Structures are given as structure tokens and as C-alpha cells.
Amino acid sequence: MDPEEFRQAILQKIRLEFGEDVDIDDQKTIHKDYGWIVFYNTKAFLASGDLMVALMSNAPWLCTWDGECYSLPLHCSVAEGVRILEKELGLTLSE
């Protein structure tokens, strides 16, 4: 699947979980060999930066090219959460 199809598939999963008012923060997306690390928030927050309209405790998702998505742990940094999931899932480490 091409990158736009991949993005749309991820967005559909995010909206099933959090509602239609949520969108992917494309500027924060991290590209990996196995897929993407995706950040998301409300459309209103992405447009304004106003914390009053932001999602709270929304962990980024690690999404693999096969369509699976996993929430990063909230108890650590994003980088550490990625390392934890990469290890658990047996994914190749990449920058």
C-alpha cells in the first residue's frame, strides 16, 4: 500500500477509537523501515495549539506496514516506548 493509503488506514483506526474529530499530526510522524510512529490529536488542537481542546493521555501509535497498530506506553519517553515495542514485536531497529 502506498503512503497515503497507509495514512488513511491508520486514520480510520484512530477515528474508530477516538472519534471523527481526530486527525494525524503529520509533522510529528516518524518513518521507520517497518511502518510509522503516528501522533494524533483533535483537529481543533492541531489547528490552534489550544490545550483546552486537546486530547489528554493520547499515546502515539506504532503502526506496521501489515496494518497493525500498537499504543506506545505512557510511562516513558516516546523513544523508549518505541524501543520497548520494537523489542516486544521483534521489529528491526531503525532511525
PDB file of N, CA and C in Angstrom:
ATOM      1  N   MET A   1       0.842  -1.175   0.000  1.00  0.00           N
ATOM      2  CA  MET A   1       0.000   0.000   0.000  1.00  0.00           C
ATOM      3  C   MET A   1       0.885   1.236   0.000  1.00  0.00           C
ATOM      4  N   ASP A   2       0.441   2.255  -0.707  1.00  0.00           N
ATOM      5  CA  ASP A   2       1.253   3.470  -0.787  1.00  0.00           C
ATOM      6  C   ASP A   2       1.082   4.299   0.498  1.00  0.00           C
ATOM      7  N   PRO A   3       1.947   5.294   0.709  1.00  0.00           N
ATOM      8  CA  PRO A   3       1.900   6.055   1.962  1.00  0.00           C
ATOM      9  C   PRO A   3       0.545   6.707   2.261  1.00  0.00           C
ATOM     10  N   GLU A   4      -0.137   7.233   1.262  1.00  0.00           N
ATOM     11  CA  GLU A   4      -1.437   7.871   1.521  1.00  0.00           C
ATOM     12  C   GLU A   4      -2.486   6.836   1.916  1.00  0.00           C
ATOM     13  N   GLU A   5      -2.465   5.675   1.289  1.00  0.00           N
ATOM     14  CA  GLU A   5      -3.389   4.601   1.684  1.00  0.00           C
ATOM     15  C   GLU A   5      -3.083   4.140   3.107  1.00  0.00           C
ATOM     16  N   PHE A   6      -1.807   4.037   3.430  1.00  0.00           N
ATOM     17  CA  PHE A   6      -1.384   3.643   4.773  1.00  0.00           C
ATOM     18  C   PHE A   6      -1.874   4.672   5.793  1.00  0.00           C
ATOM     19  N   ARG A   7      -1.683   5.959   5.481  1.00  0.00           N
ATOM     20  CA  ARG A   7      -2.139   7.027   6.376  1.00  0.00           C
ATOM     21  C   ARG A   7      -3.644   6.952   6.590  1.00  0.00           C
ATOM     22  N   GLN A   8      -4.395   6.749   5.523  1.00  0.00           N
ATOM     23  CA  GLN A   8      -5.855   6.683   5.635  1.00  0.00           C
ATOM     24  C   GLN A   8      -6.300   5.479   6.463  1.00  0.00           C
ATOM     25  N   ALA A   9      -5.623   4.352   6.303  1.00  0.00           N
ATOM     26  CA  ALA A   9      -5.961   3.157   7.088  1.00  0.00           C
ATOM     27  C   ALA A   9      -5.705   3.408   8.575  1.00  0.00           C
ATOM     28  N   ILE A  10      -4.596   4.061   8.891  1.00  0.00           N
ATOM     29  CA  ILE A  10      -4.284   4.391  10.284  1.00  0.00           C
ATOM     30  C   ILE A  10      -5.310   5.384  10.825  1.00  0.00           C
ATOM     31  N   LEU A  11      -5.607   6.419  10.047  1.00  0.00           N
ATOM     32  CA  LEU A  11      -6.560   7.441  10.475  1.00  0.00           C
ATOM     33  C   LEU A  11      -7.923   6.824  10.766  1.00  0.00           C
ATOM     34  N   GLN A  12      -8.341   5.884   9.938  1.00  0.00           N
ATOM     35  CA  GLN A  12      -9.623   5.210  10.163  1.00  0.00           C
ATOM     36  C   GLN A  12      -9.616   4.495  11.520  1.00  0.00           C
ATOM     37  N   LYS A  13      -8.525   3.821  11.851  1.00  0.00           N
ATOM     38  CA  LYS A  13      -8.420   3.124  13.143  1.00  0.00           C
ATOM     39  C   LYS A  13      -8.426   4.118  14.304  1.00  0.00           C
ATOM     40  N   ILE A  14      -7.709   5.216  14.152  1.00  0.00           N
ATOM     41  CA  ILE A  14      -7.669   6.233  15.204  1.00  0.00           C
ATOM     42  C   ILE A  14      -9.061   6.811  15.426  1.00  0.00           C
ATOM     43  N   ARG A  15      -9.771   7.098  14.347  1.00  0.00           N
ATOM     44  CA  ARG A  15     -11.110   7.682  14.481  1.00  0.00           C
ATOM     45  C   ARG A  15     -12.113   6.693  15.061  1.00  0.00           C
ATOM     46  N   LEU A  16     -11.938   5.412  14.804  1.00  0.00           N
ATOM     47  CA  LEU A  16     -12.796   4.412  15.447  1.00  0.00           C
ATOM     48  C   LEU A  16     -12.602   4.435  16.959  1.00  0.00           C
ATOM     49  N   GLU A  17     -11.388   4.687  17.377  1.00  0.00           N
ATOM     50  CA  GLU A  17     -11.049   4.710  18.807  1.00  0.00           C
ATOM     51  C   GLU A  17     -11.420   6.034  19.476  1.00  0.00           C
ATOM     52  N   PHE A  18     -11.196   7.164  18.791  1.00  0.00           N
ATOM     53  CA  PHE A  18     -11.298   8.475  19.431  1.00  0.00           C
ATOM     54  C   PHE A  18     -12.331   9.418  18.813  1.00  0.00           C
ATOM     55  N   GLY A  19     -12.977   9.031  17.726  1.00  0.00           N
ATOM     56  CA  GLY A  19     -13.998   9.872  17.119  1.00  0.00           C
ATOM     57  C   GLY A  19     -13.519  10.591  15.866  1.00  0.00           C
ATOM     58  N   GLU A  20     -14.479  11.131  15.149  1.00  0.00           N
ATOM     59  CA  GLU A  20     -14.214  11.758  13.854  1.00  0.00           C
ATOM     60  C   GLU A  20     -13.452  13.076  13.953  1.00  0.00           C
ATOM     61  N   ASP A  21     -13.432  13.693  15.129  1.00  0.00           N
ATOM     62  CA  ASP A  21     -12.788  14.996  15.276  1.00  0.00           C
ATOM     63  C   ASP A  21     -11.272  14.896  15.459  1.00  0.00           C
ATOM     64  N   VAL A  22     -10.721  13.707  15.270  1.00  0.00           N
ATOM     65  CA  VAL A  22      -9.292  13.479  15.489  1.00  0.00           C
ATOM     66  C   VAL A  22      -8.572  13.370  14.147  1.00  0.00           C
ATOM     67  N   ASP A  23      -7.329  13.853  14.103  1.00  0.00           N
ATOM     68  CA  ASP A  23      -6.534  13.751  12.882  1.00  0.00           C
ATOM     69  C   ASP A  23      -5.082  13.440  13.250  1.00  0.00           C
ATOM     70  N   ILE A  24      -4.340  12.972  12.273  1.00  0.00           N
ATOM     71  CA  ILE A  24      -2.923  12.662  12.441  1.00  0.00           C
ATOM     72  C   ILE A  24      -2.111  13.953  12.368  1.00  0.00           C
ATOM     73  N   ASP A  25      -1.144  14.080  13.257  1.00  0.00           N
ATOM     74  CA  ASP A  25      -0.214  15.211  13.232  1.00  0.00           C
ATOM     75  C   ASP A  25       0.953  14.811  12.325  1.00  0.00           C
ATOM     76  N   ASP A  26       0.799  15.072  11.040  1.00  0.00           N
ATOM     77  CA  ASP A  26       1.776  14.620  10.043  1.00  0.00           C
ATOM     78  C   ASP A  26       3.184  15.152  10.303  1.00  0.00           C
ATOM     79  N   GLN A  27       3.296  16.333  10.892  1.00  0.00           N
ATOM     80  CA  GLN A  27       4.619  16.913  11.149  1.00  0.00           C
ATOM     81  C   GLN A  27       5.409  16.115  12.179  1.00  0.00           C
ATOM     82  N   LYS A  28       4.716  15.358  13.023  1.00  0.00           N
ATOM     83  CA  LYS A  28       5.394  14.578  14.063  1.00  0.00           C
ATOM     84  C   LYS A  28       5.595  13.115  13.680  1.00  0.00           C
ATOM     85  N   THR A  29       4.995  12.669  12.577  1.00  0.00           N
ATOM     86  CA  THR A  29       5.108  11.264  12.178  1.00  0.00           C
ATOM     87  C   THR A  29       6.574  10.874  12.000  1.00  0.00           C
ATOM     88  N   ILE A  30       6.930   9.729  12.563  1.00  0.00           N
ATOM     89  CA  ILE A  30       8.292   9.197  12.456  1.00  0.00           C
ATOM     90  C   ILE A  30       8.256   7.990  11.526  1.00  0.00           C
ATOM     91  N   HIS A  31       9.045   8.022  10.473  1.00  0.00           N
ATOM     92  CA  HIS A  31       9.079   6.932   9.498  1.00  0.00           C
ATOM     93  C   HIS A  31      10.142   5.911   9.890  1.00  0.00           C
ATOM     94  N   LYS A  32       9.745   4.654   9.905  1.00  0.00           N
ATOM     95  CA  LYS A  32      10.635   3.540  10.227  1.00  0.00           C
ATOM     96  C   LYS A  32      10.588   2.540   9.073  1.00  0.00           C
ATOM     97  N   ASP A  33      11.534   1.618   9.050  1.00  0.00           N
ATOM     98  CA  ASP A  33      11.539   0.593   8.000  1.00  0.00           C
ATOM     99  C   ASP A  33      10.273  -0.259   8.031  1.00  0.00           C
ATOM    100  N   TYR A  34       9.734  -0.515   9.205  1.00  0.00           N
ATOM    101  CA  TYR A  34       8.584  -1.407   9.379  1.00  0.00           C
ATOM    102  C   TYR A  34       7.244  -0.684   9.357  1.00  0.00           C
ATOM    103  N   GLY A  35       7.250   0.656   9.350  1.00  0.00           N
ATOM    104  CA  GLY A  35       5.994   1.416   9.381  1.00  0.00           C
ATOM    105  C   GLY A  35       6.225   2.815   9.921  1.00  0.00           C
ATOM    106  N   TRP A  36       5.254   3.328  10.649  1.00  0.00           N
ATOM    107  CA  TRP A  36       5.319   4.695  11.162  1.00  0.00           C
ATOM    108  C   TRP A  36       5.008   4.745  12.648  1.00  0.00           C
ATOM    109  N   ILE A  37       5.561   5.756  13.328  1.00  0.00           N
ATOM    110  CA  ILE A  37       5.127   6.143  14.662  1.00  0.00           C
ATOM    111  C   ILE A  37       4.228   7.359  14.428  1.00  0.00           C
ATOM    112  N   VAL A  38       2.973   7.255  14.831  1.00  0.00           N
ATOM    113  CA  VAL A  38       1.968   8.258  14.486  1.00  0.00           C
ATOM    114  C   VAL A  38       1.480   8.986  15.741  1.00  0.00           C
ATOM    115  N   PHE A  39       1.480  10.297  15.668  1.00  0.00           N
ATOM    116  CA  PHE A  39       0.925  11.153  16.712  1.00  0.00           C
ATOM    117  C   PHE A  39      -0.406  11.691  16.199  1.00  0.00           C
ATOM    118  N   TYR A  40      -1.343  11.917  17.081  1.00  0.00           N
ATOM    119  CA  TYR A  40      -2.672  12.370  16.680  1.00  0.00           C
ATOM    120  C   TYR A  40      -3.247  13.253  17.777  1.00  0.00           C
ATOM    121  N   ASN A  41      -4.237  14.054  17.405  1.00  0.00           N
ATOM    122  CA  ASN A  41      -4.916  14.908  18.366  1.00  0.00           C
ATOM    123  C   ASN A  41      -6.193  15.413  17.715  1.00  0.00           C
ATOM    124  N   THR A  42      -6.947  16.241  18.428  1.00  0.00           N
ATOM    125  CA  THR A  42      -8.161  16.784  17.842  1.00  0.00           C
ATOM    126  C   THR A  42      -7.796  17.737  16.710  1.00  0.00           C
ATOM    127  N   LYS A  43      -8.690  17.850  15.752  1.00  0.00           N
ATOM    128  CA  LYS A  43      -8.470  18.792  14.655  1.00  0.00           C
ATOM    129  C   LYS A  43      -8.334  20.210  15.199  1.00  0.00           C
ATOM    130  N   ALA A  44      -9.148  20.540  16.215  1.00  0.00           N
ATOM    131  CA  ALA A  44      -9.103  21.884  16.799  1.00  0.00           C
ATOM    132  C   ALA A  44      -7.735  22.165  17.424  1.00  0.00           C
ATOM    133  N   PHE A  45      -7.168  21.195  18.131  1.00  0.00           N
ATOM    134  CA  PHE A  45      -5.845  21.397  18.728  1.00  0.00           C
ATOM    135  C   PHE A  45      -4.778  21.533  17.650  1.00  0.00           C
ATOM    136  N   LEU A  46      -4.838  20.680  16.637  1.00  0.00           N
ATOM    137  CA  LEU A  46      -3.833  20.742  15.573  1.00  0.00           C
ATOM    138  C   LEU A  46      -3.877  22.081  14.842  1.00  0.00           C
ATOM    139  N   ALA A  47      -5.066  22.681  14.751  1.00  0.00           N
ATOM    140  CA  ALA A  47      -5.199  23.974  14.077  1.00  0.00           C
ATOM    141  C   ALA A  47      -4.790  25.141  14.972  1.00  0.00           C
ATOM    142  N   SER A  48      -5.059  25.021  16.284  1.00  0.00           N
ATOM    143  CA  SER A  48      -4.877  26.175  17.169  1.00  0.00           C
ATOM    144  C   SER A  48      -3.750  26.046  18.193  1.00  0.00           C
ATOM    145  N   GLY A  49      -3.398  24.814  18.571  1.00  0.00           N
ATOM    146  CA  GLY A  49      -2.431  24.613  19.645  1.00  0.00           C
ATOM    147  C   GLY A  49      -3.017  24.851  21.030  1.00  0.00           C
ATOM    148  N   ASP A  50      -4.323  25.076  21.121  1.00  0.00           N
ATOM    149  CA  ASP A  50      -5.011  25.352  22.386  1.00  0.00           C
ATOM    150  C   ASP A  50      -5.193  24.063  23.180  1.00  0.00           C
ATOM    151  N   LEU A  51      -4.519  23.962  24.327  1.00  0.00           N
ATOM    152  CA  LEU A  51      -4.592  22.752  25.150  1.00  0.00           C
ATOM    153  C   LEU A  51      -5.997  22.462  25.671  1.00  0.00           C
ATOM    154  N   MET A  52      -6.861  23.464  25.703  1.00  0.00           N
ATOM    155  CA  MET A  52      -8.235  23.257  26.181  1.00  0.00           C
ATOM    156  C   MET A  52      -9.034  22.348  25.247  1.00  0.00           C
ATOM    157  N   VAL A  53      -8.587  22.184  24.008  1.00  0.00           N
ATOM    158  CA  VAL A  53      -9.313  21.336  23.054  1.00  0.00           C
ATOM    159  C   VAL A  53      -8.495  20.111  22.645  1.00  0.00           C
ATOM    160  N   ALA A  54      -7.427  19.841  23.381  1.00  0.00           N
ATOM    161  CA  ALA A  54      -6.542  18.714  23.055  1.00  0.00           C
ATOM    162  C   ALA A  54      -7.028  17.433  23.713  1.00  0.00           C
ATOM    163  N   LEU A  55      -6.667  16.303  23.109  1.00  0.00           N
ATOM    164  CA  LEU A  55      -6.845  15.015  23.769  1.00  0.00           C
ATOM    165  C   LEU A  55      -5.836  14.934  24.907  1.00  0.00           C
ATOM    166  N   MET A  56      -6.179  14.232  25.948  1.00  0.00           N
ATOM    167  CA  MET A  56      -5.254  14.030  27.060  1.00  0.00           C
ATOM    168  C   MET A  56      -4.870  12.555  27.121  1.00  0.00           C
ATOM    169  N   SER A  57      -3.633  12.291  27.469  1.00  0.00           N
ATOM    170  CA  SER A  57      -3.121  10.916  27.617  1.00  0.00           C
ATOM    171  C   SER A  57      -3.265  10.106  26.337  1.00  0.00           C
ATOM    172  N   ASN A  58      -3.062  10.744  25.211  1.00  0.00           N
ATOM    173  CA  ASN A  58      -3.129  10.042  23.928  1.00  0.00           C
ATOM    174  C   ASN A  58      -1.721   9.643  23.497  1.00  0.00           C
ATOM    175  N   ALA A  59      -1.401   8.404  23.748  1.00  0.00           N
ATOM    176  CA  ALA A  59      -0.077   7.888  23.400  1.00  0.00           C
ATOM    177  C   ALA A  59       0.045   7.714  21.892  1.00  0.00           C
ATOM    178  N   PRO A  60       1.200   8.028  21.326  1.00  0.00           N
ATOM    179  CA  PRO A  60       1.418   7.761  19.900  1.00  0.00           C
ATOM    180  C   PRO A  60       1.233   6.278  19.598  1.00  0.00           C
ATOM    181  N   TRP A  61       0.970   5.980  18.356  1.00  0.00           N
ATOM    182  CA  TRP A  61       0.813   4.597  17.909  1.00  0.00           C
ATOM    183  C   TRP A  61       1.990   4.194  17.043  1.00  0.00           C
ATOM    184  N   LEU A  62       2.454   2.976  17.218  1.00  0.00           N
ATOM    185  CA  LEU A  62       3.414   2.344  16.321  1.00  0.00           C
ATOM    186  C   LEU A  62       2.576   1.511  15.355  1.00  0.00           C
ATOM    187  N   CYS A  63       2.638   1.840  14.069  1.00  0.00           N
ATOM    188  CA  CYS A  63       1.832   1.150  13.056  1.00  0.00           C
ATOM    189  C   CYS A  63       2.757   0.488  12.038  1.00  0.00           C
ATOM    190  N   THR A  64       2.533  -0.787  11.813  1.00  0.00           N
ATOM    191  CA  THR A  64       3.375  -1.552  10.898  1.00  0.00           C
ATOM    192  C   THR A  64       2.715  -1.648   9.528  1.00  0.00           C
ATOM    193  N   TRP A  65       3.540  -1.902   8.514  1.00  0.00           N
ATOM    194  CA  TRP A  65       3.044  -1.957   7.136  1.00  0.00           C
ATOM    195  C   TRP A  65       1.956  -3.006   6.946  1.00  0.00           C
ATOM    196  N   ASP A  66       1.875  -4.008   7.837  1.00  0.00           N
ATOM    197  CA  ASP A  66       0.823  -5.025   7.704  1.00  0.00           C
ATOM    198  C   ASP A  66      -0.512  -4.560   8.281  1.00  0.00           C
ATOM    199  N   GLY A  67      -0.572  -3.305   8.754  1.00  0.00           N
ATOM    200  CA  GLY A  67      -1.828  -2.729   9.211  1.00  0.00           C
ATOM    201  C   GLY A  67      -2.090  -2.820  10.703  1.00  0.00           C
ATOM    202  N   GLU A  68      -1.161  -3.386  11.449  1.00  0.00           N
ATOM    203  CA  GLU A  68      -1.334  -3.479  12.901  1.00  0.00           C
ATOM    204  C   GLU A  68      -0.859  -2.186  13.561  1.00  0.00           C
ATOM    205  N   CYS A  69      -1.578  -1.760  14.604  1.00  0.00           N
ATOM    206  CA  CYS A  69      -1.202  -0.565  15.355  1.00  0.00           C
ATOM    207  C   CYS A  69      -1.146  -0.892  16.840  1.00  0.00           C
ATOM    208  N   TYR A  70      -0.143  -0.338  17.507  1.00  0.00           N
ATOM    209  CA  TYR A  70       0.101  -0.586  18.922  1.00  0.00           C
ATOM    210  C   TYR A  70       0.326   0.750  19.621  1.00  0.00           C
ATOM    211  N   SER A  71      -0.334   0.943  20.750  1.00  0.00           N
ATOM    212  CA  SER A  71      -0.164   2.161  21.528  1.00  0.00           C
ATOM    213  C   SER A  71       1.155   2.117  22.286  1.00  0.00           C
ATOM    214  N   LEU A  72       1.927   3.200  22.205  1.00  0.00           N
ATOM    215  CA  LEU A  72       3.171   3.281  22.963  1.00  0.00           C
ATOM    216  C   LEU A  72       2.852   3.422  24.447  1.00  0.00           C
ATOM    217  N   PRO A  73       3.707   2.876  25.307  1.00  0.00           N
ATOM    218  CA  PRO A  73       3.484   3.034  26.744  1.00  0.00           C
ATOM    219  C   PRO A  73       3.595   4.502  27.153  1.00  0.00           C
ATOM    220  N   LEU A  74       2.799   4.891  28.138  1.00  0.00           N
ATOM    221  CA  LEU A  74       2.796   6.277  28.607  1.00  0.00           C
ATOM    222  C   LEU A  74       3.797   6.540  29.725  1.00  0.00           C
ATOM    223  N   HIS A  75       4.371   5.500  30.299  1.00  0.00           N
ATOM    224  CA  HIS A  75       5.237   5.661  31.467  1.00  0.00           C
ATOM    225  C   HIS A  75       6.680   6.037  31.123  1.00  0.00           C
ATOM    226  N   CYS A  76       6.957   6.257  29.846  1.00  0.00           N
ATOM    227  CA  CYS A  76       8.332   6.556  29.440  1.00  0.00           C
ATOM    228  C   CYS A  76       8.310   7.505  28.242  1.00  0.00           C
ATOM    229  N   SER A  77       9.481   7.903  27.801  1.00  0.00           N
ATOM    230  CA  SER A  77       9.574   8.792  26.639  1.00  0.00           C
ATOM    231  C   SER A  77       9.110   8.059  25.379  1.00  0.00           C
ATOM    232  N   VAL A  78       8.819   8.824  24.350  1.00  0.00           N
ATOM    233  CA  VAL A  78       8.434   8.222  23.069  1.00  0.00           C
ATOM    234  C   VAL A  78       9.546   7.317  22.561  1.00  0.00           C
ATOM    235  N   ALA A  79      10.786   7.784  22.609  1.00  0.00           N
ATOM    236  CA  ALA A  79      11.915   6.981  22.112  1.00  0.00           C
ATOM    237  C   ALA A  79      12.022   5.660  22.862  1.00  0.00           C
ATOM    238  N   GLU A  80      11.877   5.706  24.177  1.00  0.00           N
ATOM    239  CA  GLU A  80      11.952   4.475  24.971  1.00  0.00           C
ATOM    240  C   GLU A  80      10.750   3.575  24.678  1.00  0.00           C
ATOM    241  N   GLY A  81       9.575   4.169  24.526  1.00  0.00           N
ATOM    242  CA  GLY A  81       8.385   3.390  24.188  1.00  0.00           C
ATOM    243  C   GLY A  81       8.529   2.677  22.853  1.00  0.00           C
ATOM    244  N   VAL A  82       9.116   3.361  21.883  1.00  0.00           N
ATOM    245  CA  VAL A  82       9.367   2.743  20.579  1.00  0.00           C
ATOM    246  C   VAL A  82      10.324   1.572  20.745  1.00  0.00           C
ATOM    247  N   ARG A  83      11.396   1.773  21.500  1.00  0.00           N
ATOM    248  CA  ARG A  83      12.360   0.684  21.728  1.00  0.00           C
ATOM    249  C   ARG A  83      11.694  -0.518  22.406  1.00  0.00           C
ATOM    250  N   ILE A  84      10.839  -0.254  23.388  1.00  0.00           N
ATOM    251  CA  ILE A  84      10.140  -1.335  24.093  1.00  0.00           C
ATOM    252  C   ILE A  84       9.283  -2.131  23.119  1.00  0.00           C
ATOM    253  N   LEU A  85       8.469  -1.432  22.321  1.00  0.00           N
ATOM    254  CA  LEU A  85       7.591  -2.133  21.378  1.00  0.00           C
ATOM    255  C   LEU A  85       8.380  -2.828  20.281  1.00  0.00           C
ATOM    256  N   GLU A  86       9.427  -2.189  19.777  1.00  0.00           N
ATOM    257  CA  GLU A  86      10.248  -2.843  18.754  1.00  0.00           C
ATOM    258  C   GLU A  86      10.796  -4.164  19.284  1.00  0.00           C
ATOM    259  N   LYS A  87      11.247  -4.148  20.524  1.00  0.00           N
ATOM    260  CA  LYS A  87      11.788  -5.373  21.119  1.00  0.00           C
ATOM    261  C   LYS A  87      10.687  -6.417  21.302  1.00  0.00           C
ATOM    262  N   GLU A  88       9.540  -6.008  21.862  1.00  0.00           N
ATOM    263  CA  GLU A  88       8.429  -6.932  22.097  1.00  0.00           C
ATOM    264  C   GLU A  88       7.914  -7.550  20.800  1.00  0.00           C
ATOM    265  N   LEU A  89       7.880  -6.748  19.739  1.00  0.00           N
ATOM    266  CA  LEU A  89       7.319  -7.193  18.462  1.00  0.00           C
ATOM    267  C   LEU A  89       8.363  -7.801  17.532  1.00  0.00           C
ATOM    268  N   GLY A  90       9.635  -7.752  17.930  1.00  0.00           N
ATOM    269  CA  GLY A  90      10.697  -8.303  17.093  1.00  0.00           C
ATOM    270  C   GLY A  90      10.932  -7.499  15.828  1.00  0.00           C
ATOM    271  N   LEU A  91      10.749  -6.189  15.918  1.00  0.00           N
ATOM    272  CA  LEU A  91      10.921  -5.318  14.752  1.00  0.00           C
ATOM    273  C   LEU A  91      12.364  -4.869  14.637  1.00  0.00           C
ATOM    274  N   THR A  92      12.787  -4.609  13.411  1.00  0.00           N
ATOM    275  CA  THR A  92      14.131  -4.117  13.148  1.00  0.00           C
ATOM    276  C   THR A  92      14.254  -2.699  13.663  1.00  0.00           C
ATOM    277  N   LEU A  93      15.318  -2.421  14.383  1.00  0.00           N
ATOM    278  CA  LEU A  93      15.555  -1.068  14.857  1.00  0.00           C
ATOM    279  C   LEU A  93      16.033  -0.200  13.709  1.00  0.00           C
ATOM    280  N   SER A  94      15.478   0.990  13.618  1.00  0.00           N
ATOM    281  CA  SER A  94      15.906   1.942  12.588  1.00  0.00           C
ATOM    282  C   SER A  94      15.650   3.342  13.096  1.00  0.00           C
ATOM    283  N   GLU A  95      16.293   4.291  12.495  1.00  0.00           N
ATOM    284  CA  GLU A  95      16.092   5.694  12.888  1.00  0.00           C
ATOM    285  C   GLU A  95      15.171   6.371  11.913  1.00  0.00           C
TER     286      GLU A  95
END
